[in-house]
């Protein structure tokens, strides 16, 4: 990774300070506050004893996300300094895990049905240098930005990269994916620590 610091003092491959706190909404089955630098997002996970018509009788559940439509949801962000979407995805996994654990503890399900931990992070290229976890200032300057949702072992769930100023190279894309994997593994450590605190 290229030596040098960014405007906030971070190295190019360094996340902003991360905090994941579960149980911030006592009325929700799962809830989470995620802080990444000055970005703060609140997430809730609700459980309902029903599925959409096309899932009835299948023996399977249903997970969906509607930012403005779920019970207990709001349009509130504490503060936003870039990365609200990726912070929301990272927090949504932790809140979902909390809700599933409560279902298991209440004997509604036999086990927490999570196969893989997953998280999301942004990357970008500024002045031909790939960077991890862009804040708003960097996102505004980036010639390329990328949002990545990935499992702990590096398998892709979603990858969205956009050239903002000039086309990006395959080498830049590969460098951003490698940075994203590094950052996602670190975010999953934070998720696991928060989940372990549930007991």
Foldseek 3Di string as FASTA:
>chain_A
DDDDADPVGHGQLDWADWAWAWDPDVVALTKIWIDGHPWIDIDGDHDDPDAPPVCPPVPDHDDDDDQPPDPPHDPDIPDAFDDNVQRHQLNHLLRLQSSLVVCCVVVVDVDRPDDFRKGKWKWFAAPNDIGTHDTNVVVVRGQKMWMFIATLVLHGPDIDMDGNNDDDDPVNVVVNSVSGNVVTNVSVVNSVVNNVVVD
